[in-house]
PDB file of N, CA and C in Angstrom:
ATOM      1  N   MET A   1      -1.764   3.362  14.357  1.00  0.00           N
ATOM      2  CA  MET A   1      -1.327   3.042  14.931  1.00  0.00           C
ATOM      3  C   MET A   1       0.269   2.274  15.439  1.00  0.00           C
ATOM      4  N   VAL A   2       1.004   1.921  16.292  1.00  0.00           N
ATOM      5  CA  VAL A   2       2.316   1.354  15.981  1.00  0.00           C
ATOM      6  C   VAL A   2       2.775   0.883  17.705  1.00  0.00           C
ATOM      7  N   ASP A   3       1.808  -0.483  17.476  1.00  0.00           N
ATOM      8  CA  ASP A   3       1.922  -1.121  19.874  1.00  0.00           C
ATOM      9  C   ASP A   3       3.211  -1.170  19.760  1.00  0.00           C
ATOM     10  N   GLU A   4       3.562  -1.567  21.530  1.00  0.00           N
ATOM     11  CA  GLU A   4       4.831  -1.208  21.683  1.00  0.00           C
ATOM     12  C   GLU A   4       5.891  -3.043  21.574  1.00  0.00           C
ATOM     13  N   THR A   5       5.342  -3.801  21.181  1.00  0.00           N
ATOM     14  CA  THR A   5       5.179  -5.168  20.319  1.00  0.00           C
ATOM     15  C   THR A   5       5.926  -4.757  18.628  1.00  0.00           C
ATOM     16  N   GLY A   6       5.714  -3.727  18.182  1.00  0.00           N
ATOM     17  CA  GLY A   6       5.764  -3.477  16.555  1.00  0.00           C
ATOM     18  C   GLY A   6       5.325  -3.665  15.978  1.00  0.00           C
ATOM     19  N   ASN A   7       4.073  -4.759  16.612  1.00  0.00           N
ATOM     20  CA  ASN A   7       2.747  -4.209  15.508  1.00  0.00           C
ATOM     21  C   ASN A   7       1.586  -3.830  15.134  1.00  0.00           C
ATOM     22  N   VAL A   8       0.951  -3.143  14.057  1.00  0.00           N
ATOM     23  CA  VAL A   8      -0.015  -2.488  13.513  1.00  0.00           C
ATOM     24  C   VAL A   8      -1.357  -2.794  14.552  1.00  0.00           C
ATOM     25  N   ILE A   9      -1.836  -1.420  14.961  1.00  0.00           N
ATOM     26  CA  ILE A   9      -3.117  -1.673  15.828  1.00  0.00           C
ATOM     27  C   ILE A   9      -3.360  -0.677  15.220  1.00  0.00           C
ATOM     28  N   LEU A  10      -5.591  -0.559  15.053  1.00  0.00           N
ATOM     29  CA  LEU A  10      -6.093   0.796  13.847  1.00  0.00           C
ATOM     30  C   LEU A  10      -5.657   1.374  13.287  1.00  0.00           C
ATOM     31  N   PRO A  11      -5.684   0.427  11.590  1.00  0.00           N
ATOM     32  CA  PRO A  11      -5.365   1.204  10.989  1.00  0.00           C
ATOM     33  C   PRO A  11      -5.931   1.359  10.540  1.00  0.00           C
ATOM     34  N   ALA A  12      -6.317   2.794   9.160  1.00  0.00           N
ATOM     35  CA  ALA A  12      -6.953   3.243   9.223  1.00  0.00           C
ATOM     36  C   ALA A  12      -6.897   4.198   6.815  1.00  0.00           C
ATOM     37  N   VAL A  13      -7.684   4.676   7.222  1.00  0.00           N
ATOM     38  CA  VAL A  13      -7.710   5.261   5.579  1.00  0.00           C
ATOM     39  C   VAL A  13      -8.559   6.479   5.959  1.00  0.00           C
ATOM     40  N   SER A  14      -7.519   7.303   5.319  1.00  0.00           N
ATOM     41  CA  SER A  14      -8.246   8.996   5.870  1.00  0.00           C
ATOM     42  C   SER A  14      -8.685   9.194   4.050  1.00  0.00           C
ATOM     43  N   ALA A  15      -8.644   8.456   3.263  1.00  0.00           N
ATOM     44  CA  ALA A  15      -8.888  10.023   1.671  1.00  0.00           C
ATOM     45  C   ALA A  15      -9.080   8.683   1.197  1.00  0.00           C
ATOM     46  N   GLY A  16      -9.316   8.332   0.108  1.00  0.00           N
ATOM     47  CA  GLY A  16      -8.689   7.597  -1.624  1.00  0.00           C
ATOM     48  C   GLY A  16     -10.248   7.324  -1.422  1.00  0.00           C
ATOM     49  N   HIS A  17     -10.348   6.500  -2.664  1.00  0.00           N
ATOM     50  CA  HIS A  17     -11.330   5.349  -3.626  1.00  0.00           C
ATOM     51  C   HIS A  17     -11.276   3.984  -3.054  1.00  0.00           C
ATOM     52  N   PRO A  18     -12.320   3.922  -2.165  1.00  0.00           N
ATOM     53  CA  PRO A  18     -12.739   3.102  -1.147  1.00  0.00           C
ATOM     54  C   PRO A  18     -12.583   1.801  -2.455  1.00  0.00           C
ATOM     55  N   LEU A  19     -12.572   0.758  -3.531  1.00  0.00           N
ATOM     56  CA  LEU A  19     -11.996   0.483  -4.079  1.00  0.00           C
ATOM     57  C   LEU A  19     -10.414   0.079  -3.266  1.00  0.00           C
ATOM     58  N   LEU A  20      -9.795   1.004  -3.225  1.00  0.00           N
ATOM     59  CA  LEU A  20      -8.368   0.411  -2.763  1.00  0.00           C
ATOM     60  C   LEU A  20      -7.861   0.340  -1.509  1.00  0.00           C
ATOM     61  N   SER A  21      -9.293   1.532  -0.589  1.00  0.00           N
ATOM     62  CA  SER A  21      -8.754   1.250   1.013  1.00  0.00           C
ATOM     63  C   SER A  21      -9.329  -0.601   1.578  1.00  0.00           C
ATOM     64  N   ASP A  22      -9.575  -1.686   1.210  1.00  0.00           N
ATOM     65  CA  ASP A  22      -9.067  -3.081   1.940  1.00  0.00           C
ATOM     66  C   ASP A  22      -8.200  -3.207   1.075  1.00  0.00           C
ATOM     67  N   VAL A  23      -7.611  -3.120   0.130  1.00  0.00           N
ATOM     68  CA  VAL A  23      -5.890  -3.599   0.263  1.00  0.00           C
ATOM     69  C   VAL A  23      -4.888  -2.900   1.204  1.00  0.00           C
ATOM     70  N   VAL A  24      -5.275  -1.697   0.691  1.00  0.00           N
ATOM     71  CA  VAL A  24      -4.266  -1.079   1.861  1.00  0.00           C
ATOM     72  C   VAL A  24      -4.301  -1.133   2.608  1.00  0.00           C
ATOM     73  N   LEU A  25      -5.589  -1.562   3.804  1.00  0.00           N
ATOM     74  CA  LEU A  25      -5.752  -1.889   4.801  1.00  0.00           C
ATOM     75  C   LEU A  25      -5.321  -3.193   5.535  1.00  0.00           C
ATOM     76  N   THR A  26      -5.087  -4.205   4.723  1.00  0.00           N
ATOM     77  CA  THR A  26      -4.343  -5.662   4.533  1.00  0.00           C
ATOM     78  C   THR A  26      -3.426  -5.656   4.171  1.00  0.00           C
ATOM     79  N   ASN A  27      -2.629  -4.386   3.561  1.00  0.00           N
ATOM     80  CA  ASN A  27      -1.209  -4.731   3.432  1.00  0.00           C
ATOM     81  C   ASN A  27      -0.313  -4.500   5.271  1.00  0.00           C
ATOM     82  N   ILE A  28      -1.211  -2.720   4.686  1.00  0.00           N
ATOM     83  CA  ILE A  28      -1.112  -2.517   5.608  1.00  0.00           C
ATOM     84  C   ILE A  28      -1.210  -3.263   7.642  1.00  0.00           C
ATOM     85  N   ARG A  29      -1.664  -3.807   7.364  1.00  0.00           N
ATOM     86  CA  ARG A  29      -1.508  -5.225   9.462  1.00  0.00           C
ATOM     87  C   ARG A  29      -0.401  -5.802   8.680  1.00  0.00           C
ATOM     88  N   LYS A  30       0.139  -6.115   8.105  1.00  0.00           N
ATOM     89  CA  LYS A  30       1.491  -6.990   7.831  1.00  0.00           C
ATOM     90  C   LYS A  30       2.467  -6.709   7.643  1.00  0.00           C
ATOM     91  N   TRP A  31       3.099  -4.781   8.740  1.00  0.00           N
ATOM     92  CA  TRP A  31       3.617  -4.505   8.364  1.00  0.00           C
ATOM     93  C   TRP A  31       4.313  -5.272  10.098  1.00  0.00           C
ATOM     94  N   LYS A  32       5.339  -5.148  10.131  1.00  0.00           N
ATOM     95  CA  LYS A  32       5.943  -5.203  11.623  1.00  0.00           C
ATOM     96  C   LYS A  32       6.940  -4.837  11.192  1.00  0.00           C
ATOM     97  N   PHE A  33       6.992  -4.073  12.750  1.00  0.00           N
ATOM     98  CA  PHE A  33       8.201  -2.958  13.029  1.00  0.00           C
ATOM     99  C   PHE A  33       9.188  -3.506  13.855  1.00  0.00           C
ATOM    100  N   GLN A  34      10.498  -2.617  14.734  1.00  0.00           N
ATOM    101  CA  GLN A  34      10.852  -3.244  15.387  1.00  0.00           C
ATOM    102  C   GLN A  34      10.221  -2.484  16.911  1.00  0.00           C
ATOM    103  N   PRO A  35      10.809  -3.143  18.522  1.00  0.00           N
ATOM    104  CA  PRO A  35       9.292  -2.547  19.252  1.00  0.00           C
ATOM    105  C   PRO A  35      10.435  -2.420  20.346  1.00  0.00           C
ATOM    106  N   THR A  36       9.273  -1.095  20.456  1.00  0.00           N
ATOM    107  CA  THR A  36       9.820   0.482  21.037  1.00  0.00           C
ATOM    108  C   THR A  36       9.493  -0.130  22.633  1.00  0.00           C
ATOM    109  N   PRO A  37      10.019   1.373  23.482  1.00  0.00           N
ATOM    110  CA  PRO A  37       9.184   1.136  24.772  1.00  0.00           C
ATOM    111  C   PRO A  37       7.665   1.619  25.126  1.00  0.00           C
ATOM    112  N   HIS A  38       8.072   2.172  23.236  1.00  0.00           N
ATOM    113  CA  HIS A  38       6.260   3.006  23.686  1.00  0.00           C
ATOM    114  C   HIS A  38       5.860   3.056  22.569  1.00  0.00           C
ATOM    115  N   SER A  39       4.294   2.834  22.190  1.00  0.00           N
ATOM    116  CA  SER A  39       3.348   2.437  21.055  1.00  0.00           C
ATOM    117  C   SER A  39       3.423   4.244  20.109  1.00  0.00           C
ATOM    118  N   PHE A  40       3.395   4.136  19.325  1.00  0.00           N
ATOM    119  CA  PHE A  40       3.450   5.609  17.692  1.00  0.00           C
ATOM    120  C   PHE A  40       3.139   5.458  16.898  1.00  0.00           C
ATOM    121  N   THR A  41       2.312   6.699  16.067  1.00  0.00           N
ATOM    122  CA  THR A  41       1.224   6.850  15.216  1.00  0.00           C
ATOM    123  C   THR A  41       2.199   6.822  14.408  1.00  0.00           C
ATOM    124  N   MET A  42       1.912   6.402  13.165  1.00  0.00           N
ATOM    125  CA  MET A  42       2.708   7.187  12.397  1.00  0.00           C
ATOM    126  C   MET A  42       1.062   7.332  10.718  1.00  0.00           C
ATOM    127  N   GLU A  43       2.145   7.623   9.429  1.00  0.00           N
ATOM    128  CA  GLU A  43       1.036   8.307   8.834  1.00  0.00           C
ATOM    129  C   GLU A  43       1.748   7.595   7.305  1.00  0.00           C
ATOM    130  N   VAL A  44       1.408   6.799   6.734  1.00  0.00           N
ATOM    131  CA  VAL A  44       1.957   6.526   5.888  1.00  0.00           C
ATOM    132  C   VAL A  44       1.106   6.535   4.059  1.00  0.00           C
ATOM    133  N   SER A  45       1.276   6.969   3.116  1.00  0.00           N
ATOM    134  CA  SER A  45       0.783   7.443   1.710  1.00  0.00           C
ATOM    135  C   SER A  45       0.877   6.491   1.030  1.00  0.00           C
ATOM    136  N   TYR A  46      -0.103   5.750   0.502  1.00  0.00           N
ATOM    137  CA  TYR A  46      -0.214   4.847  -0.957  1.00  0.00           C
ATOM    138  C   TYR A  46      -0.413   5.614  -1.854  1.00  0.00           C
ATOM    139  N   LYS A  47       0.665   5.660  -2.676  1.00  0.00           N
ATOM    140  CA  LYS A  47       0.206   6.266  -4.271  1.00  0.00           C
ATOM    141  C   LYS A  47      -0.263   4.797  -5.657  1.00  0.00           C
ATOM    142  N   PHE A  48      -1.170   4.509  -5.774  1.00  0.00           N
ATOM    143  CA  PHE A  48      -1.466   3.389  -7.021  1.00  0.00           C
ATOM    144  C   PHE A  48      -1.836   4.581  -8.085  1.00  0.00           C
ATOM    145  N   ALA A  49      -1.226   3.446  -8.984  1.00  0.00           N
ATOM    146  CA  ALA A  49      -1.033   4.688 -11.203  1.00  0.00           C
ATOM    147  C   ALA A  49      -1.042   3.422 -11.954  1.00  0.00           C
ATOM    148  N   LEU A  50      -1.819   3.481 -12.983  1.00  0.00           N
ATOM    149  CA  LEU A  50      -1.520   3.242 -14.555  1.00  0.00           C
ATOM    150  C   LEU A  50      -0.496   3.382 -14.764  1.00  0.00           C
ATOM    151  N   ARG A  51      -0.042   2.414 -15.444  1.00  0.00           N
ATOM    152  CA  ARG A  51       1.826   2.612 -16.446  1.00  0.00           C
ATOM    153  C   ARG A  51       1.219   2.266 -18.524  1.00  0.00           C
ATOM    154  N   GLY A  52       1.094   2.571 -19.211  1.00  0.00           N
ATOM    155  CA  GLY A  52       0.380   3.501 -20.207  1.00  0.00           C
ATOM    156  C   GLY A  52       1.507   1.513 -20.392  1.00  0.00           C
ATOM    157  N   GLU A  53       1.197   1.619 -22.064  1.00  0.00           N
ATOM    158  CA  GLU A  53       0.991   0.235 -23.066  1.00  0.00           C
ATOM    159  C   GLU A  53       2.084   1.155 -23.030  1.00  0.00           C
ATOM    160  N   GLU A  54       2.270   1.642 -23.805  1.00  0.00           N
ATOM    161  CA  GLU A  54       4.378   1.900 -24.354  1.00  0.00           C
ATOM    162  C   GLU A  54       4.500   1.618 -23.268  1.00  0.00           C
ATOM    163  N   GLU A  55       4.722   1.687 -21.794  1.00  0.00           N
ATOM    164  CA  GLU A  55       5.535   1.359 -21.477  1.00  0.00           C
ATOM    165  C   GLU A  55       5.887   0.137 -21.188  1.00  0.00           C
ATOM    166  N   SER A  56       7.022  -0.166 -21.012  1.00  0.00           N
ATOM    167  CA  SER A  56       7.414  -1.787 -21.605  1.00  0.00           C
ATOM    168  C   SER A  56       8.397  -2.536 -20.460  1.00  0.00           C
ATOM    169  N   SER A  57       7.543  -1.452 -18.998  1.00  0.00           N
ATOM    170  CA  SER A  57       8.659  -2.066 -17.766  1.00  0.00           C
ATOM    171  C   SER A  57       7.755  -3.160 -17.695  1.00  0.00           C
ATOM    172  N   PRO A  58       8.034  -3.936 -16.016  1.00  0.00           N
ATOM    173  CA  PRO A  58       7.211  -5.498 -15.492  1.00  0.00           C
ATOM    174  C   PRO A  58       5.522  -4.311 -15.602  1.00  0.00           C
ATOM    175  N   SER A  59       4.788  -5.865 -15.361  1.00  0.00           N
ATOM    176  CA  SER A  59       3.068  -5.103 -15.626  1.00  0.00           C
ATOM    177  C   SER A  59       2.963  -4.240 -14.048  1.00  0.00           C
ATOM    178  N   GLU A  60       3.256  -4.859 -14.190  1.00  0.00           N
ATOM    179  CA  GLU A  60       3.921  -4.543 -11.621  1.00  0.00           C
ATOM    180  C   GLU A  60       4.530  -3.840 -11.125  1.00  0.00           C
ATOM    181  N   GLU A  61       4.332  -3.461 -10.091  1.00  0.00           N
ATOM    182  CA  GLU A  61       5.849  -3.336  -9.733  1.00  0.00           C
ATOM    183  C   GLU A  61       5.302  -2.517  -7.445  1.00  0.00           C
ATOM    184  N   VAL A  62       5.782  -3.134  -6.856  1.00  0.00           N
ATOM    185  CA  VAL A  62       5.898  -1.897  -5.554  1.00  0.00           C
ATOM    186  C   VAL A  62       7.182  -1.075  -5.687  1.00  0.00           C
ATOM    187  N   ILE A  63       7.203   0.014  -5.612  1.00  0.00           N
ATOM    188  CA  ILE A  63       8.630   0.804  -4.996  1.00  0.00           C
ATOM    189  C   ILE A  63       8.057   1.404  -2.998  1.00  0.00           C
ATOM    190  N   PHE A  64       8.859   0.840  -2.321  1.00  0.00           N
ATOM    191  CA  PHE A  64       8.723   1.437  -1.553  1.00  0.00           C
ATOM    192  C   PHE A  64       9.852   2.583  -1.496  1.00  0.00           C
ATOM    193  N   ASN A  65       8.968   3.551  -0.747  1.00  0.00           N
ATOM    194  CA  ASN A  65       9.717   4.890  -0.164  1.00  0.00           C
ATOM    195  C   ASN A  65       9.705   5.086   1.137  1.00  0.00           C
ATOM    196  N   LEU A  66      10.175   4.295   2.881  1.00  0.00           N
ATOM    197  CA  LEU A  66       9.637   3.733   3.582  1.00  0.00           C
ATOM    198  C   LEU A  66      10.909   5.368   4.597  1.00  0.00           C
ATOM    199  N   PRO A  67       9.971   5.214   5.526  1.00  0.00           N
ATOM    200  CA  PRO A  67       8.776   4.737   6.267  1.00  0.00           C
ATOM    201  C   PRO A  67       7.506   5.203   5.572  1.00  0.00           C
ATOM    202  N   HIS A  68       7.018   6.340   4.936  1.00  0.00           N
ATOM    203  CA  HIS A  68       5.850   7.335   5.068  1.00  0.00           C
ATOM    204  C   HIS A  68       5.344   6.702   3.586  1.00  0.00           C
ATOM    205  N   HIS A  69       5.783   5.648   3.099  1.00  0.00           N
ATOM    206  CA  HIS A  69       5.602   6.417   0.919  1.00  0.00           C
ATOM    207  C   HIS A  69       5.294   5.188   0.080  1.00  0.00           C
ATOM    208  N   VAL A  70       4.257   4.803  -0.116  1.00  0.00           N
ATOM    209  CA  VAL A  70       4.432   3.372  -0.765  1.00  0.00           C
ATOM    210  C   VAL A  70       3.525   3.425  -2.453  1.00  0.00           C
ATOM    211  N   GLU A  71       4.640   3.248  -2.983  1.00  0.00           N
ATOM    212  CA  GLU A  71       3.393   3.466  -4.852  1.00  0.00           C
ATOM    213  C   GLU A  71       3.671   1.969  -5.576  1.00  0.00           C
ATOM    214  N   ILE A  72       2.753   1.662  -5.889  1.00  0.00           N
ATOM    215  CA  ILE A  72       2.107   0.839  -6.679  1.00  0.00           C
ATOM    216  C   ILE A  72       1.067   0.987  -8.342  1.00  0.00           C
ATOM    217  N   VAL A  73       2.805   0.053  -9.199  1.00  0.00           N
ATOM    218  CA  VAL A  73       1.748   0.600 -10.816  1.00  0.00           C
ATOM    219  C   VAL A  73       1.768  -0.091 -10.437  1.00  0.00           C
ATOM    220  N   ALA A  74       0.929   0.178 -12.021  1.00  0.00           N
ATOM    221  CA  ALA A  74       0.302  -1.851 -13.132  1.00  0.00           C
ATOM    222  C   ALA A  74      -0.131  -0.895 -14.148  1.00  0.00           C
ATOM    223  N   SER A  75      -0.227  -2.142 -15.282  1.00  0.00           N
ATOM    224  CA  SER A  75      -0.857  -1.752 -16.387  1.00  0.00           C
ATOM    225  C   SER A  75      -1.471  -1.613 -16.899  1.00  0.00           C
ATOM    226  N   ALA A  76      -2.086  -0.809 -17.170  1.00  0.00           N
ATOM    227  CA  ALA A  76      -3.549  -0.350 -17.378  1.00  0.00           C
ATOM    228  C   ALA A  76      -4.436  -1.005 -18.666  1.00  0.00           C
ATOM    229  N   VAL A  77      -3.396  -2.164 -18.877  1.00  0.00           N
ATOM    230  CA  VAL A  77      -3.525  -3.098 -20.700  1.00  0.00           C
ATOM    231  C   VAL A  77      -4.011  -4.124 -19.870  1.00  0.00           C
ATOM    232  N   ARG A  78      -3.112  -5.021 -18.542  1.00  0.00           N
ATOM    233  CA  ARG A  78      -3.372  -6.218 -18.582  1.00  0.00           C
ATOM    234  C   ARG A  78      -4.404  -5.808 -17.284  1.00  0.00           C
ATOM    235  N   MET A  79      -4.998  -5.011 -16.585  1.00  0.00           N
ATOM    236  CA  MET A  79      -5.599  -4.866 -15.091  1.00  0.00           C
ATOM    237  C   MET A  79      -6.770  -4.747 -16.156  1.00  0.00           C
ATOM    238  N   LEU A  80      -7.175  -4.546 -17.502  1.00  0.00           N
ATOM    239  CA  LEU A  80      -8.348  -4.800 -18.180  1.00  0.00           C
ATOM    240  C   LEU A  80      -8.719  -6.024 -18.624  1.00  0.00           C
ATOM    241  N   ALA A  81      -7.493  -6.115 -18.798  1.00  0.00           N
ATOM    242  CA  ALA A  81      -7.636  -7.825 -19.915  1.00  0.00           C
ATOM    243  C   ALA A  81      -8.049  -8.874 -18.441  1.00  0.00           C
ATOM    244  N   GLU A  82      -7.829  -8.676 -17.411  1.00  0.00           N
ATOM    245  CA  GLU A  82      -7.793  -9.585 -16.553  1.00  0.00           C
ATOM    246  C   GLU A  82      -9.447 -10.033 -16.269  1.00  0.00           C
ATOM    247  N   PRO A  83      -9.444 -10.802 -16.210  1.00  0.00           N
ATOM    248  CA  PRO A  83     -11.414 -11.141 -15.813  1.00  0.00           C
ATOM    249  C   PRO A  83     -11.971 -10.832 -13.939  1.00  0.00           C
ATOM    250  N   SER A  84     -13.174 -10.366 -14.402  1.00  0.00           N
ATOM    251  CA  SER A  84     -13.443 -10.212 -12.387  1.00  0.00           C
ATOM    252  C   SER A  84     -14.087 -11.142 -11.951  1.00  0.00           C
ATOM    253  N   ARG A  85     -12.793 -10.914 -10.635  1.00  0.00           N
ATOM    254  CA  ARG A  85     -13.673 -12.262  -9.753  1.00  0.00           C
ATOM    255  C   ARG A  85     -14.580 -11.764  -8.898  1.00  0.00           C
TER     256      ARG A  85
END
């Protein structure tokens, strides 16, 4: 839900892996929309994908197909090699 001032309020995750839910909520809370006369509700789908090591693209990329889709692609090799925090 977005309020009249353009701030995201009451973000919620309807499905997906619990480890990624916090990432999605943190990201969507940062979004800012143009002010409108009324609050409104919208649905945004986040797609997380791991890229194989044979692909030579950057190790991570975010693709925005707004207003309803965000795709986050990361290298599986990089993610497995990084120490846990």
